[in-house]
Structures are given as structure tokens and as C-alpha cells.
Amino acid sequence: ELIAPIAMEQGVRFAIREGGRTVGAGVVTEILA
């Protein structure tokens, strides 16, 4: 669950951070909802 909602589109790169450290990264491939 995200802290704040954000807009995303297919092909957009993203990073997941916790406590100032990057714990995951990827590319949006499909919009589910």
C-alpha cells in the first residue's frame, strides 16, 4: 500500500524505497485497476 496515491502509466520506471534505501525497482507492464 502506498503512502500517497500516484499516477502511473505503462512503461514507467519506478523505485520502491524504505528508510532511504532502495529495496526494489521495476517497470510498469500492466494496469490492473
Protein backbone atom coordinates (compact mmCIF):
# COMPACT_ATOMS: atom_id res chain seq x y z
CA GLU A 1 0.00 0.00 0.00
CA LEU A 2 1.34 3.41 -0.96
CA ILE A 3 1.61 6.33 1.45
CA ALA A 4 0.25 8.72 -1.20
CA PRO A 5 -1.56 7.91 -4.45
CA ILE A 6 0.40 8.49 -7.65
CA ALA A 7 -0.40 8.34 -11.36
CA MET A 8 1.32 5.56 -13.33
CA GLU A 9 1.31 4.56 -16.98
CA GLN A 10 2.61 1.51 -18.79
CA GLY A 11 6.34 1.68 -19.45
CA VAL A 12 7.06 3.98 -16.48
CA ARG A 13 10.09 3.02 -14.37
CA PHE A 14 9.70 3.11 -10.58
CA ALA A 15 11.71 2.51 -7.41
CA ILE A 16 10.50 1.29 -4.01
CA ARG A 17 12.32 2.87 -1.08
CA GLU A 18 12.22 2.16 2.66
CA GLY A 19 14.14 4.23 5.17
CA GLY A 20 16.19 5.95 2.47
CA ARG A 21 17.29 2.66 0.86
CA THR A 22 16.08 1.33 -2.49
CA VAL A 23 14.56 -2.10 -1.87
CA GLY A 24 13.04 -2.67 -5.31
CA ALA A 25 12.75 -1.23 -8.80
CA GLY A 26 10.94 -2.09 -12.00
CA VAL A 27 8.82 -1.08 -14.96
CA VAL A 28 5.01 -0.92 -15.07
CA THR A 29 3.90 -3.57 -17.59
CA GLU A 30 0.13 -3.75 -17.00
CA ILE A 31 -2.53 -1.59 -15.32
CA LEU A 32 -4.88 -3.79 -13.26
CA ALA A 33 -7.38 -1.28 -11.89
